[in-house]
Every structure is written in structure tokens, then in C-alpha cells.
Amino acid sequence: MAPRTKWPSAVVDLADARDDRRLRDYQARLRAVLETNRKALSRLFQSGLIFTRAGARLGRDLLLAHQHLLKVADLLARLGELSARGARDRRDAEAEALYAQVQALLARTSELSARSDGLLARER
């Protein structure tokens, strides 16, 4: 007979662990994109390009991207609340819908930020 340990081994729900990892990955991606967006806005102002027509348009695009990122932060907060609750089946469907929104907003933000990189690189 095997000796009993003092502490029972913990059972880990791999689906919950995957969900937690996915949420952390998106949060890290959000932080990185927010920092990139902030740096692009700073360069736009520091270079004086904000006062040109193209720079003003780019500034609006970067502010729109920032609004998208704030919405992503809200969606990720909702996802964090969902993972704290039970009812796995309903939660999974709702979480997938929220993740789809997050993915779409991050893609749109990346597109807007890519425009800024091109303009700022040309003006150097």
C-alpha cells in the first residue's frame, strides 16, 4: 500500500488553465499595443507632423485606435469576470463572442498603427 501524503494532490481543470492563459496573453498583447500607440502619438507631436494635413489625419487614426484599445480593455475585464463565474457552457459561448470582438478590434488597431509607422518613417 502506498503511503499517504500530507497534502492531497490538486486537480487542475485544464480548460480553466487554458482560459486563464489566453486572457493573460491578450492582456499582455493589449499592453504592448497601447505602448506602441502611445509612442506613435508622441513621435507625431514631437516631430511637428501633427500640424500637417496627413499628420492630423494620422492623429485621428491613432486616437481611434486608442479608443479601440480602451474597448478591448473593457472586454478583457468582462472576460476576467466571466472566468470567475460558473456555468461553463454558457460562459464558453459568451467568452468566444467577446474574444472575437477583441480580435477584430486588435486587428483594426494594428492596421491603424501600421499607417502611422509608414508616415513617420517617411518623414524622418
N, C-alpha and C. Protein backbone atom coordinates (compact mmCIF):
# COMPACT_ATOMS: atom_id res chain seq x y z
N MET A 1 0.84 -1.16 0.00
CA MET A 1 0.00 0.00 0.00
C MET A 1 0.90 1.25 0.00
N ALA A 2 0.54 2.20 -0.83
CA ALA A 2 1.34 3.42 -0.97
C ALA A 2 1.10 4.33 0.23
N PRO A 3 2.17 4.95 0.70
CA PRO A 3 1.99 5.86 1.84
C PRO A 3 1.19 7.09 1.42
N ARG A 4 0.37 7.56 2.31
CA ARG A 4 -0.43 8.75 2.04
C ARG A 4 0.42 9.99 2.28
N THR A 5 0.20 10.97 1.45
CA THR A 5 0.92 12.23 1.63
C THR A 5 0.11 13.13 2.54
N LYS A 6 0.77 14.11 3.10
CA LYS A 6 0.09 15.05 3.98
C LYS A 6 -0.93 15.88 3.20
N TRP A 7 -0.56 16.24 1.98
CA TRP A 7 -1.42 17.12 1.20
C TRP A 7 -1.99 16.35 0.02
N PRO A 8 -3.27 16.40 -0.15
CA PRO A 8 -3.84 15.72 -1.32
C PRO A 8 -3.43 16.46 -2.59
N SER A 9 -3.26 15.70 -3.65
CA SER A 9 -2.86 16.35 -4.90
C SER A 9 -4.04 17.14 -5.46
N ALA A 10 -3.72 18.29 -5.98
CA ALA A 10 -4.76 19.17 -6.52
C ALA A 10 -5.14 18.74 -7.92
N VAL A 11 -6.40 18.84 -8.20
CA VAL A 11 -6.90 18.54 -9.54
C VAL A 11 -7.00 19.87 -10.29
N VAL A 12 -6.38 19.92 -11.44
CA VAL A 12 -6.37 21.15 -12.22
C VAL A 12 -7.28 20.98 -13.42
N ASP A 13 -8.20 21.91 -13.58
CA ASP A 13 -9.07 21.90 -14.76
C ASP A 13 -8.29 22.55 -15.90
N LEU A 14 -7.92 21.75 -16.89
CA LEU A 14 -7.10 22.27 -17.97
C LEU A 14 -7.83 23.31 -18.82
N ALA A 15 -9.13 23.20 -18.93
CA ALA A 15 -9.89 24.20 -19.69
C ALA A 15 -9.80 25.56 -19.00
N ASP A 16 -9.90 25.57 -17.68
CA ASP A 16 -9.76 26.83 -16.95
C ASP A 16 -8.34 27.38 -17.08
N ALA A 17 -7.36 26.49 -17.02
CA ALA A 17 -5.97 26.93 -17.15
C ALA A 17 -5.73 27.53 -18.54
N ARG A 18 -6.30 26.90 -19.58
CA ARG A 18 -6.17 27.45 -20.94
C ARG A 18 -6.84 28.81 -21.05
N ASP A 19 -8.04 28.93 -20.47
CA ASP A 19 -8.76 30.21 -20.49
C ASP A 19 -7.96 31.30 -19.79
N ASP A 20 -7.39 30.97 -18.64
CA ASP A 20 -6.58 31.95 -17.91
C ASP A 20 -5.36 32.37 -18.72
N ARG A 21 -4.72 31.42 -19.35
CA ARG A 21 -3.53 31.70 -20.17
C ARG A 21 -3.91 32.59 -21.36
N ARG A 22 -5.03 32.26 -22.00
CA ARG A 22 -5.49 33.05 -23.15
C ARG A 22 -5.77 34.49 -22.74
N LEU A 23 -6.41 34.66 -21.59
CA LEU A 23 -6.72 36.00 -21.09
C LEU A 23 -5.43 36.77 -20.79
N ARG A 24 -4.48 36.11 -20.13
CA ARG A 24 -3.20 36.77 -19.82
C ARG A 24 -2.45 37.16 -21.09
N ASP A 25 -2.50 36.29 -22.11
CA ASP A 25 -1.83 36.59 -23.37
C ASP A 25 -2.44 37.82 -24.04
N TYR A 26 -3.77 37.90 -24.05
CA TYR A 26 -4.43 39.06 -24.64
C TYR A 26 -4.14 40.33 -23.84
N GLN A 27 -4.08 40.21 -22.53
CA GLN A 27 -3.77 41.38 -21.71
C GLN A 27 -2.35 41.87 -21.98
N ALA A 28 -1.42 40.95 -22.15
CA ALA A 28 -0.04 41.34 -22.47
C ALA A 28 0.03 41.98 -23.85
N ARG A 29 -0.71 41.42 -24.79
CA ARG A 29 -0.75 42.00 -26.14
C ARG A 29 -1.35 43.40 -26.10
N LEU A 30 -2.39 43.58 -25.31
CA LEU A 30 -3.02 44.90 -25.17
C LEU A 30 -2.02 45.92 -24.62
N ARG A 31 -1.29 45.53 -23.58
CA ARG A 31 -0.30 46.45 -23.01
C ARG A 31 0.75 46.86 -24.05
N ALA A 32 1.21 45.89 -24.84
CA ALA A 32 2.22 46.18 -25.86
C ALA A 32 1.67 47.11 -26.93
N VAL A 33 0.45 46.87 -27.38
CA VAL A 33 -0.14 47.71 -28.42
C VAL A 33 -0.43 49.10 -27.89
N LEU A 34 -0.88 49.21 -26.64
CA LEU A 34 -1.10 50.53 -26.04
C LEU A 34 0.20 51.33 -25.99
N GLU A 35 1.27 50.67 -25.62
CA GLU A 35 2.57 51.35 -25.55
C GLU A 35 3.02 51.80 -26.94
N THR A 36 2.84 50.96 -27.94
CA THR A 36 3.20 51.32 -29.31
C THR A 36 2.39 52.51 -29.79
N ASN A 37 1.10 52.50 -29.48
CA ASN A 37 0.21 53.60 -29.87
C ASN A 37 0.64 54.89 -29.19
N ARG A 38 0.96 54.82 -27.92
CA ARG A 38 1.38 56.00 -27.17
C ARG A 38 2.67 56.58 -27.75
N LYS A 39 3.61 55.70 -28.10
CA LYS A 39 4.87 56.16 -28.68
C LYS A 39 4.64 56.82 -30.04
N ALA A 40 3.74 56.26 -30.84
CA ALA A 40 3.46 56.84 -32.15
C ALA A 40 2.84 58.23 -32.01
N LEU A 41 1.93 58.38 -31.06
CA LEU A 41 1.34 59.70 -30.82
C LEU A 41 2.40 60.69 -30.35
N SER A 42 3.29 60.25 -29.49
CA SER A 42 4.37 61.12 -29.01
C SER A 42 5.27 61.56 -30.16
N ARG A 43 5.64 60.62 -31.02
CA ARG A 43 6.50 60.96 -32.16
C ARG A 43 5.80 61.93 -33.11
N LEU A 44 4.50 61.75 -33.26
CA LEU A 44 3.72 62.63 -34.13
C LEU A 44 3.76 64.07 -33.62
N PHE A 45 3.62 64.24 -32.32
CA PHE A 45 3.67 65.58 -31.75
C PHE A 45 5.09 66.14 -31.74
N GLN A 46 6.05 65.31 -31.36
CA GLN A 46 7.44 65.78 -31.27
C GLN A 46 8.01 66.18 -32.62
N SER A 47 7.58 65.49 -33.66
CA SER A 47 8.11 65.80 -34.99
C SER A 47 7.41 67.01 -35.62
N GLY A 48 6.29 67.42 -35.06
CA GLY A 48 5.54 68.54 -35.63
C GLY A 48 4.63 68.13 -36.77
N LEU A 49 4.61 66.84 -37.11
CA LEU A 49 3.75 66.37 -38.20
C LEU A 49 2.27 66.53 -37.90
N ILE A 50 1.93 66.65 -36.64
CA ILE A 50 0.53 66.79 -36.26
C ILE A 50 -0.10 68.03 -36.92
N PHE A 51 0.74 68.99 -37.29
CA PHE A 51 0.25 70.24 -37.86
C PHE A 51 0.07 70.19 -39.37
N THR A 52 0.38 69.05 -39.97
CA THR A 52 0.14 68.88 -41.41
C THR A 52 -1.18 68.14 -41.60
N ARG A 53 -1.69 68.19 -42.83
CA ARG A 53 -2.95 67.50 -43.12
C ARG A 53 -2.82 66.00 -42.87
N ALA A 54 -1.75 65.41 -43.39
CA ALA A 54 -1.54 63.96 -43.21
C ALA A 54 -1.32 63.63 -41.73
N GLY A 55 -0.61 64.50 -41.03
CA GLY A 55 -0.37 64.28 -39.61
C GLY A 55 -1.64 64.37 -38.79
N ALA A 56 -2.51 65.32 -39.14
CA ALA A 56 -3.78 65.45 -38.42
C ALA A 56 -4.65 64.21 -38.65
N ARG A 57 -4.66 63.73 -39.89
CA ARG A 57 -5.43 62.51 -40.20
C ARG A 57 -4.87 61.32 -39.42
N LEU A 58 -3.55 61.25 -39.40
CA LEU A 58 -2.89 60.17 -38.65
C LEU A 58 -3.20 60.28 -37.16
N GLY A 59 -3.19 61.49 -36.63
CA GLY A 59 -3.54 61.69 -35.22
C GLY A 59 -4.94 61.20 -34.91
N ARG A 60 -5.89 61.50 -35.81
CA ARG A 60 -7.26 61.00 -35.61
C ARG A 60 -7.28 59.47 -35.64
N ASP A 61 -6.54 58.88 -36.58
CA ASP A 61 -6.48 57.42 -36.66
C ASP A 61 -5.90 56.81 -35.39
N LEU A 62 -4.85 57.43 -34.88
CA LEU A 62 -4.23 56.91 -33.65
C LEU A 62 -5.15 57.07 -32.45
N LEU A 63 -5.90 58.16 -32.41
CA LEU A 63 -6.87 58.33 -31.31
C LEU A 63 -8.01 57.32 -31.44
N LEU A 64 -8.43 57.03 -32.67
CA LEU A 64 -9.44 55.99 -32.88
C LEU A 64 -8.90 54.64 -32.43
N ALA A 65 -7.64 54.37 -32.77
CA ALA A 65 -7.01 53.12 -32.33
C ALA A 65 -6.98 53.06 -30.81
N HIS A 66 -6.70 54.19 -30.17
CA HIS A 66 -6.68 54.23 -28.70
C HIS A 66 -8.07 53.93 -28.13
N GLN A 67 -9.11 54.46 -28.76
CA GLN A 67 -10.47 54.16 -28.32
C GLN A 67 -10.76 52.67 -28.46
N HIS A 68 -10.31 52.07 -29.57
CA HIS A 68 -10.48 50.63 -29.75
C HIS A 68 -9.77 49.87 -28.63
N LEU A 69 -8.58 50.32 -28.28
CA LEU A 69 -7.82 49.64 -27.23
C LEU A 69 -8.51 49.76 -25.87
N LEU A 70 -9.13 50.90 -25.60
CA LEU A 70 -9.89 51.04 -24.35
C LEU A 70 -11.06 50.08 -24.34
N LYS A 71 -11.71 49.91 -25.48
CA LYS A 71 -12.82 48.95 -25.57
C LYS A 71 -12.30 47.53 -25.35
N VAL A 72 -11.13 47.23 -25.91
CA VAL A 72 -10.52 45.91 -25.71
C VAL A 72 -10.26 45.68 -24.22
N ALA A 73 -9.77 46.70 -23.53
CA ALA A 73 -9.52 46.57 -22.09
C ALA A 73 -10.82 46.26 -21.35
N ASP A 74 -11.91 46.92 -21.73
CA ASP A 74 -13.21 46.64 -21.11
C ASP A 74 -13.66 45.21 -21.39
N LEU A 75 -13.49 44.78 -22.64
CA LEU A 75 -13.89 43.41 -23.00
C LEU A 75 -13.07 42.38 -22.23
N LEU A 76 -11.78 42.64 -22.08
CA LEU A 76 -10.93 41.71 -21.33
C LEU A 76 -11.32 41.68 -19.85
N ALA A 77 -11.74 42.82 -19.32
CA ALA A 77 -12.22 42.84 -17.93
C ALA A 77 -13.49 42.00 -17.81
N ARG A 78 -14.37 42.10 -18.79
CA ARG A 78 -15.58 41.27 -18.77
C ARG A 78 -15.23 39.79 -18.87
N LEU A 79 -14.23 39.48 -19.69
CA LEU A 79 -13.79 38.08 -19.80
C LEU A 79 -13.23 37.57 -18.48
N GLY A 80 -12.51 38.43 -17.77
CA GLY A 80 -11.99 38.05 -16.46
C GLY A 80 -13.11 37.77 -15.48
N GLU A 81 -14.18 38.57 -15.55
CA GLU A 81 -15.34 38.34 -14.68
C GLU A 81 -16.04 37.05 -15.05
N LEU A 82 -16.12 36.77 -16.35
CA LEU A 82 -16.76 35.53 -16.80
C LEU A 82 -16.03 34.30 -16.27
N SER A 83 -14.71 34.36 -16.30
CA SER A 83 -13.94 33.19 -15.87
C SER A 83 -14.10 32.95 -14.37
N ALA A 84 -14.45 34.00 -13.63
CA ALA A 84 -14.65 33.85 -12.19
C ALA A 84 -15.99 33.18 -11.87
N ARG A 85 -16.92 33.28 -12.81
CA ARG A 85 -18.24 32.67 -12.60
C ARG A 85 -18.26 31.21 -13.03
N GLY A 86 -19.35 30.56 -12.75
CA GLY A 86 -19.53 29.16 -13.15
C GLY A 86 -20.28 29.07 -14.47
N ALA A 87 -21.10 28.03 -14.63
CA ALA A 87 -21.91 27.80 -15.83
C ALA A 87 -21.04 27.75 -17.08
N ARG A 88 -20.22 26.75 -17.18
CA ARG A 88 -19.20 26.64 -18.22
C ARG A 88 -19.75 26.72 -19.65
N ASP A 89 -20.87 26.05 -19.96
CA ASP A 89 -21.38 26.03 -21.34
C ASP A 89 -21.77 27.42 -21.82
N ARG A 90 -22.55 28.12 -21.02
CA ARG A 90 -22.99 29.47 -21.40
C ARG A 90 -21.80 30.43 -21.42
N ARG A 91 -20.92 30.23 -20.47
CA ARG A 91 -19.73 31.08 -20.35
C ARG A 91 -18.84 30.92 -21.58
N ASP A 92 -18.68 29.70 -22.06
CA ASP A 92 -17.83 29.46 -23.22
C ASP A 92 -18.34 30.18 -24.46
N ALA A 93 -19.64 30.12 -24.69
CA ALA A 93 -20.23 30.78 -25.86
C ALA A 93 -20.06 32.30 -25.76
N GLU A 94 -20.32 32.84 -24.59
CA GLU A 94 -20.18 34.28 -24.40
C GLU A 94 -18.72 34.71 -24.50
N ALA A 95 -17.84 33.90 -23.94
CA ALA A 95 -16.40 34.22 -23.99
C ALA A 95 -15.89 34.21 -25.42
N GLU A 96 -16.31 33.25 -26.21
CA GLU A 96 -15.87 33.19 -27.61
C GLU A 96 -16.34 34.41 -28.39
N ALA A 97 -17.56 34.87 -28.12
CA ALA A 97 -18.06 36.08 -28.78
C ALA A 97 -17.22 37.30 -28.37
N LEU A 98 -16.89 37.39 -27.09
CA LEU A 98 -16.06 38.50 -26.62
C LEU A 98 -14.65 38.43 -27.20
N TYR A 99 -14.08 37.23 -27.27
CA TYR A 99 -12.75 37.08 -27.85
C TYR A 99 -12.75 37.45 -29.33
N ALA A 100 -13.83 37.15 -30.03
CA ALA A 100 -13.93 37.54 -31.45
C ALA A 100 -13.92 39.06 -31.58
N GLN A 101 -14.64 39.75 -30.68
CA GLN A 101 -14.64 41.21 -30.70
C GLN A 101 -13.24 41.76 -30.40
N VAL A 102 -12.59 41.16 -29.41
CA VAL A 102 -11.23 41.60 -29.04
C VAL A 102 -10.29 41.43 -30.23
N GLN A 103 -10.37 40.28 -30.88
CA GLN A 103 -9.50 40.01 -32.03
C GLN A 103 -9.75 41.00 -33.16
N ALA A 104 -11.02 41.30 -33.44
CA ALA A 104 -11.35 42.25 -34.51
C ALA A 104 -10.83 43.65 -34.18
N LEU A 105 -11.00 44.08 -32.93
CA LEU A 105 -10.53 45.41 -32.54
C LEU A 105 -9.01 45.51 -32.57
N LEU A 106 -8.33 44.46 -32.14
CA LEU A 106 -6.87 44.47 -32.18
C LEU A 106 -6.36 44.48 -33.62
N ALA A 107 -7.05 43.77 -34.51
CA ALA A 107 -6.65 43.77 -35.92
C ALA A 107 -6.83 45.17 -36.51
N ARG A 108 -7.95 45.80 -36.21
CA ARG A 108 -8.21 47.16 -36.72
C ARG A 108 -7.17 48.14 -36.16
N THR A 109 -6.85 47.99 -34.90
CA THR A 109 -5.85 48.85 -34.27
C THR A 109 -4.48 48.67 -34.92
N SER A 110 -4.13 47.43 -35.20
CA SER A 110 -2.85 47.16 -35.85
C SER A 110 -2.79 47.81 -37.23
N GLU A 111 -3.92 47.76 -37.93
CA GLU A 111 -3.99 48.40 -39.25
C GLU A 111 -3.79 49.91 -39.15
N LEU A 112 -4.45 50.53 -38.17
CA LEU A 112 -4.31 51.97 -37.99
C LEU A 112 -2.89 52.34 -37.56
N SER A 113 -2.30 51.54 -36.69
CA SER A 113 -0.94 51.81 -36.23
C SER A 113 0.08 51.62 -37.33
N ALA A 114 -0.16 50.68 -38.23
CA ALA A 114 0.77 50.44 -39.34
C ALA A 114 0.84 51.67 -40.24
N ARG A 115 -0.29 52.35 -40.42
CA ARG A 115 -0.29 53.58 -41.21
C ARG A 115 0.63 54.62 -40.58
N SER A 116 0.59 54.71 -39.26
CA SER A 116 1.41 55.71 -38.58
C SER A 116 2.89 55.39 -38.76
N ASP A 117 3.24 54.12 -38.70
CA ASP A 117 4.65 53.75 -38.86
C ASP A 117 5.16 54.17 -40.23
N GLY A 118 4.33 53.97 -41.26
CA GLY A 118 4.74 54.35 -42.61
C GLY A 118 4.95 55.84 -42.76
N LEU A 119 4.02 56.64 -42.28
CA LEU A 119 4.14 58.09 -42.41
C LEU A 119 5.30 58.63 -41.59
N LEU A 120 5.44 58.15 -40.37
CA LEU A 120 6.52 58.65 -39.52
C LEU A 120 7.89 58.24 -40.06
N ALA A 121 7.98 57.07 -40.68
CA ALA A 121 9.25 56.63 -41.26
C ALA A 121 9.61 57.48 -42.48
N ARG A 122 8.61 57.84 -43.28
CA ARG A 122 8.86 58.67 -44.47
C ARG A 122 9.32 60.07 -44.11
N GLU A 123 8.83 60.58 -43.01
CA GLU A 123 9.12 61.96 -42.63
C GLU A 123 10.44 62.13 -41.89
N ARG A 124 11.11 61.06 -41.59
CA ARG A 124 12.39 61.15 -40.86
C ARG A 124 13.47 61.69 -41.72
